[in-house]
Amino acid sequence: MKRRRFLSTLAVGTTLPVLGPFAARDALRSREQTASDRARAVRVLAFDTFGTVVDWRSSVIAEGQQLGKTKGLSVDWAAFADAWRAGYGPSMNRVRKGDLPWTKLDVLHRTTLDGLLTKFNVDGLSEDEKVRFNRVWHRLRPWPDSVDGLKQLRARFVLTPLSNGNISLLTNMAKHAQLPWDCILSAEVVRHYKPDPETYLMVADIFDLKPSEVMMVAAHQGDLDAAQKLGLKTAYVHRPLEYGPGKASVPPPAGRFDFVAKDFRDLAAQLGT
């Protein structure tokens, strides 16, 4: 049969055989190569921090319980922590909308805290005690895989937080949790809170890179959606205990982001580090 006729017949009427073990192996290698290709151009990994790198909820609860024990307070510290975090987005939106001038997250946290102390009937704290409790966000504990996973990733990539936390907060957090950042970038640098485009694009601008050479790593799909629209690569890391037991979000479907990982060690393995 002539070659042209053979190819025509194959295109319209031939059923291809089931993949044998070697073909299946090659197909798997092809998919792995595709993942490697997606990461090949990436130079910098930028990390959401609260909930992605550090466990804000259990950290705030633990310090609240210690404060309660010291001061003789009876407070539902889990509810307190959740309410404090719930004020995070609305307080930043006041800055975005122009209701407030640029305001550091420490100050926004303190404003929310003052309201919660009244709501939860927490009395008898001195100003120094209020200041120290507000700075619990500087002392958040890392997830169990965070430090080792970041060290693995740092062997190949430049690592930076890309957080709405102010620079002093992120620096103190890194010292406290021993987070191995190469540098610290914050919304404070451009005075725009995520998901404003200026915050994501800052990373590429500072490192003289294309947006596609930066990968945003986060446990929050909205954060990744905003970065993806601007051309950044994206990696979702699942943190099922961020909001407490039984409140895990549903991981994204395959293909929505460039990578989906169960933790930082898993992400490091997928990225070949």
Protein backbone atom coordinates (compact mmCIF):
# COMPACT_ATOMS: atom_id res chain seq x y z
CA MET A 1 0.00 0.00 0.00
CA LYS A 2 1.35 3.40 -0.87
CA ARG A 3 2.34 5.61 2.04
CA ARG A 4 -0.25 8.34 1.37
CA ARG A 5 -3.07 5.80 1.10
CA PHE A 6 -1.88 4.06 4.26
CA LEU A 7 -1.89 7.30 6.26
CA SER A 8 -5.32 8.21 4.94
CA THR A 9 -6.69 4.81 5.95
CA LEU A 10 -5.11 5.13 9.39
CA ALA A 11 -6.64 8.57 9.92
CA VAL A 12 -10.24 7.53 9.17
CA GLY A 13 -10.65 3.88 9.95
CA THR A 14 -8.01 2.35 12.17
CA THR A 15 -8.37 1.67 15.90
CA LEU A 16 -5.12 2.23 17.75
CA PRO A 17 -3.93 -0.55 20.09
CA VAL A 18 -4.14 -0.23 23.88
CA LEU A 19 -0.95 1.18 25.35
CA GLY A 20 1.42 -1.52 26.54
CA PRO A 21 3.51 -1.15 29.69
CA PHE A 22 6.39 0.62 27.96
CA ALA A 23 4.07 3.03 26.13
CA ALA A 24 2.28 3.78 29.41
CA ARG A 25 5.63 4.44 31.05
CA ASP A 26 6.59 6.82 28.24
CA ALA A 27 3.24 8.61 28.54
CA LEU A 28 3.88 9.11 32.27
CA ARG A 29 7.32 10.49 31.55
CA SER A 30 5.77 12.82 29.00
CA ARG A 31 3.38 14.22 31.61
CA GLU A 32 6.23 14.65 34.07
CA GLN A 33 8.21 16.45 31.40
CA THR A 34 5.25 18.74 30.80
CA ALA A 35 5.23 19.65 34.52
CA SER A 36 8.96 20.26 34.38
CA ASP A 37 8.48 22.48 31.34
CA ARG A 38 5.93 24.59 33.21
CA ALA A 39 8.46 25.25 35.96
CA ARG A 40 11.57 25.59 33.80
CA ALA A 41 11.24 29.36 33.22
CA VAL A 42 10.29 30.13 36.83
CA ARG A 43 12.95 31.97 38.80
CA VAL A 44 11.09 33.26 41.86
CA LEU A 45 8.47 31.65 44.09
CA ALA A 46 6.27 34.21 45.86
CA PHE A 47 4.27 32.89 48.82
CA ASP A 48 1.04 33.96 50.36
CA THR A 49 1.84 33.71 54.05
CA PHE A 50 -1.15 33.69 56.44
CA GLY A 51 -2.62 30.20 56.17
CA THR A 52 -0.24 29.06 53.43
CA VAL A 53 3.09 29.19 55.28
CA VAL A 54 1.97 29.74 58.87
CA ASP A 55 -0.92 28.46 60.96
CA TRP A 56 -2.51 31.71 62.12
CA ARG A 57 -5.54 30.14 63.82
CA SER A 58 -3.89 27.78 66.30
CA SER A 59 -1.20 30.40 67.01
CA VAL A 60 -3.75 33.07 67.96
CA ILE A 61 -5.79 30.58 69.98
CA ALA A 62 -2.71 29.44 71.93
CA GLU A 63 -1.64 32.99 72.83
CA GLY A 64 -5.22 33.92 73.72
CA GLN A 65 -5.45 30.96 76.06
CA GLN A 66 -2.18 31.94 77.72
CA LEU A 67 -3.40 35.52 78.10
CA GLY A 68 -6.69 34.28 79.51
CA LYS A 69 -4.90 32.10 82.03
CA THR A 70 -2.68 34.98 83.12
CA LYS A 71 -5.51 37.51 83.41
CA GLY A 72 -8.27 35.17 84.59
CA LEU A 73 -10.36 35.62 81.45
CA SER A 74 -13.08 33.24 80.24
CA VAL A 75 -13.14 33.62 76.45
CA ASP A 76 -13.90 31.34 73.50
CA TRP A 77 -10.49 31.92 71.94
CA ALA A 78 -11.26 29.87 68.83
CA ALA A 79 -14.24 32.15 68.09
CA PHE A 80 -12.07 35.16 68.93
CA ALA A 81 -9.37 34.07 66.47
CA ASP A 82 -11.93 33.44 63.73
CA ALA A 83 -13.54 36.84 64.29
CA TRP A 84 -10.16 38.58 64.23
CA ARG A 85 -9.30 36.95 60.94
CA ALA A 86 -12.77 37.73 59.57
CA GLY A 87 -11.97 41.43 60.00
CA TYR A 88 -8.90 41.12 57.75
CA GLY A 89 -10.60 41.52 54.37
CA PRO A 90 -13.09 44.26 55.30
CA SER A 91 -10.37 46.37 56.94
CA MET A 92 -8.17 46.22 53.82
CA ASN A 93 -11.17 47.03 51.63
CA ARG A 94 -11.52 50.32 53.51
CA VAL A 95 -8.02 51.19 52.31
CA ARG A 96 -8.74 50.04 48.75
CA LYS A 97 -11.91 52.12 48.54
CA GLY A 98 -10.20 55.21 49.88
CA ASP A 99 -12.11 55.30 53.16
CA LEU A 100 -8.70 55.13 54.84
CA PRO A 101 -5.31 56.32 53.62
CA TRP A 102 -2.61 53.67 53.24
CA THR A 103 -2.57 51.88 56.61
CA LYS A 104 -0.25 49.07 57.70
CA LEU A 105 -1.78 45.72 58.54
CA ASP A 106 -0.53 46.02 62.14
CA VAL A 107 -2.72 49.10 62.55
CA LEU A 108 -5.70 47.45 60.87
CA HIS A 109 -5.27 44.42 63.13
CA ARG A 110 -5.23 46.68 66.19
CA THR A 111 -8.43 48.45 65.15
CA THR A 112 -10.15 45.08 64.75
CA LEU A 113 -8.73 43.86 68.05
CA ASP A 114 -10.07 46.86 69.97
CA GLY A 115 -13.57 46.12 68.70
CA LEU A 116 -13.29 42.43 69.57
CA LEU A 117 -12.10 43.12 73.12
CA THR A 118 -15.37 44.97 73.65
CA LYS A 119 -17.47 42.36 71.84
CA PHE A 120 -16.00 39.46 73.86
CA ASN A 121 -16.08 41.42 77.15
CA VAL A 122 -12.33 41.27 77.63
CA ASP A 123 -11.49 43.80 80.33
CA GLY A 124 -8.45 44.64 82.40
CA LEU A 125 -5.74 44.58 79.73
CA SER A 126 -3.09 47.27 79.94
CA GLU A 127 -1.99 49.10 76.82
CA ASP A 128 1.27 47.12 76.81
CA GLU A 129 -0.72 43.87 76.96
CA LYS A 130 -2.90 44.97 74.07
CA VAL A 131 0.16 45.89 72.01
CA ARG A 132 1.78 42.53 72.72
CA PHE A 133 -1.37 40.58 71.90
CA ASN A 134 -1.79 42.50 68.64
CA ARG A 135 1.71 41.43 67.68
CA VAL A 136 0.74 37.75 67.91
CA TRP A 137 0.59 38.01 64.10
CA HIS A 138 4.38 38.51 64.20
CA ARG A 139 4.77 35.21 66.08
CA LEU A 140 2.70 32.77 64.05
CA ARG A 141 3.88 29.17 63.93
CA PRO A 142 4.75 27.47 60.63
CA TRP A 143 2.94 24.41 59.34
CA PRO A 144 4.98 21.24 60.06
CA ASP A 145 6.25 20.98 56.46
CA SER A 146 6.91 24.68 55.88
CA VAL A 147 10.52 25.15 56.96
CA ASP A 148 11.89 21.93 55.44
CA GLY A 149 9.83 22.37 52.29
CA LEU A 150 11.01 25.93 51.81
CA LYS A 151 14.62 24.85 52.26
CA GLN A 152 14.15 22.25 49.51
CA LEU A 153 12.59 24.81 47.18
CA ARG A 154 15.30 27.37 47.95
CA ALA A 155 17.89 25.06 46.40
CA ARG A 156 16.50 25.98 42.99
CA PHE A 157 14.38 29.12 43.35
CA VAL A 158 14.52 32.55 44.94
CA LEU A 159 11.91 32.61 47.73
CA THR A 160 9.95 35.57 49.03
CA PRO A 161 6.71 36.09 50.89
CA LEU A 162 4.14 38.11 48.97
CA SER A 163 1.82 39.05 51.78
CA ASN A 164 -0.47 41.81 52.91
CA GLY A 165 1.47 41.77 56.16
CA ASN A 166 3.75 44.77 56.68
CA ILE A 167 7.50 44.35 56.38
CA SER A 168 8.24 44.42 60.12
CA LEU A 169 5.54 41.80 60.72
CA LEU A 170 6.92 39.50 58.03
CA THR A 171 10.50 39.98 59.19
CA ASN A 172 9.66 39.16 62.80
CA MET A 173 7.58 36.20 61.69
CA ALA A 174 10.50 34.87 59.65
CA LYS A 175 12.84 35.19 62.63
CA HIS A 176 10.34 33.53 64.98
CA ALA A 177 9.41 30.66 62.64
CA GLN A 178 12.88 30.31 61.03
CA LEU A 179 11.49 30.80 57.53
CA PRO A 180 14.37 30.76 55.00
CA TRP A 181 13.34 33.65 52.75
CA ASP A 182 15.83 35.18 50.32
CA CYS A 183 14.11 38.53 50.68
CA ILE A 184 10.84 39.93 52.04
CA LEU A 185 8.28 41.58 49.78
CA SER A 186 5.08 43.03 51.12
CA ALA A 187 2.04 44.92 49.90
CA GLU A 188 3.56 47.76 51.93
CA VAL A 189 6.23 48.25 49.21
CA VAL A 190 3.67 49.34 46.59
CA ARG A 191 0.94 50.40 49.06
CA HIS A 192 -1.62 48.16 47.44
CA TYR A 193 -3.24 45.21 49.15
CA LYS A 194 -3.82 41.97 47.27
CA PRO A 195 -5.61 41.29 45.02
CA ASP A 196 -4.63 44.65 43.48
CA PRO A 197 -2.47 43.95 40.37
CA GLU A 198 0.34 46.20 41.59
CA THR A 199 1.21 43.77 44.38
CA TYR A 200 1.66 40.73 42.13
CA LEU A 201 3.46 42.59 39.35
CA MET A 202 5.89 44.09 41.87
CA VAL A 203 7.78 40.79 42.14
CA ALA A 204 8.63 40.58 38.46
CA ASP A 205 9.50 44.28 38.38
CA ILE A 206 11.87 44.09 41.35
CA PHE A 207 13.68 41.05 39.98
CA ASP A 208 13.68 42.25 36.33
CA LEU A 209 11.65 39.25 35.23
CA LYS A 210 8.60 38.54 33.13
CA PRO A 211 5.44 37.73 35.12
CA SER A 212 5.63 34.18 33.76
CA GLU A 213 9.00 33.77 35.49
CA VAL A 214 7.31 34.24 38.88
CA MET A 215 5.14 31.58 40.51
CA MET A 216 2.55 32.53 43.12
CA VAL A 217 2.15 29.86 45.81
CA ALA A 218 -0.98 29.99 47.94
CA ALA A 219 -3.61 27.98 49.76
CA HIS A 220 -6.32 30.39 48.59
CA GLN A 221 -7.75 30.03 45.11
CA GLY A 222 -8.79 33.69 44.85
CA ASP A 223 -5.18 34.76 45.42
CA LEU A 224 -4.02 32.45 42.65
CA ASP A 225 -6.80 33.52 40.28
CA ALA A 226 -5.69 37.14 40.59
CA ALA A 227 -2.04 36.23 39.96
CA GLN A 228 -2.89 33.95 37.04
CA LYS A 229 -4.79 36.72 35.24
CA LEU A 230 -1.61 38.79 35.27
CA GLY A 231 0.52 36.04 33.71
CA LEU A 232 2.15 34.57 36.82
CA LYS A 233 2.51 30.82 37.18
CA THR A 234 0.46 29.36 40.02
CA ALA A 235 0.77 26.61 42.60
CA TYR A 236 -2.03 25.66 44.98
CA VAL A 237 -1.04 24.09 48.32
CA HIS A 238 -3.83 22.48 50.31
CA ARG A 239 -4.11 23.50 53.97
CA PRO A 240 -7.14 21.60 55.28
CA LEU A 241 -6.75 22.79 58.89
CA GLU A 242 -6.39 26.53 58.25
CA TYR A 243 -9.89 27.30 59.57
CA GLY A 244 -9.98 24.40 62.02
CA PRO A 245 -11.08 20.75 61.86
CA GLY A 246 -13.97 19.98 59.53
CA LYS A 247 -13.70 23.27 57.63
CA ALA A 248 -11.38 22.26 54.80
CA SER A 249 -11.89 23.88 51.43
CA VAL A 250 -12.24 21.71 48.34
CA PRO A 251 -9.00 21.48 46.30
CA PRO A 252 -9.23 22.90 42.77
CA PRO A 253 -9.80 20.62 39.79
CA ALA A 254 -6.81 19.41 37.80
CA GLY A 255 -5.63 21.95 35.27
CA ARG A 256 -6.99 25.06 36.97
CA PHE A 257 -3.53 25.98 38.27
CA ASP A 258 -0.06 24.96 37.08
CA PHE A 259 0.54 22.81 40.16
CA VAL A 260 -1.58 21.40 42.96
CA ALA A 261 0.27 20.05 46.01
CA LYS A 262 -0.64 18.59 49.38
CA ASP A 263 2.19 20.48 51.12
CA PHE A 264 5.52 22.20 50.43
CA ARG A 265 7.48 18.94 50.31
CA ASP A 266 5.10 17.65 47.67
CA LEU A 267 5.47 20.90 45.71
CA ALA A 268 9.27 20.61 45.91
CA ALA A 269 9.09 17.06 44.52
CA GLN A 270 6.84 18.19 41.66
CA LEU A 271 9.22 21.03 40.83
CA GLY A 272 12.20 18.69 40.82
CA THR A 273 14.07 20.10 43.80
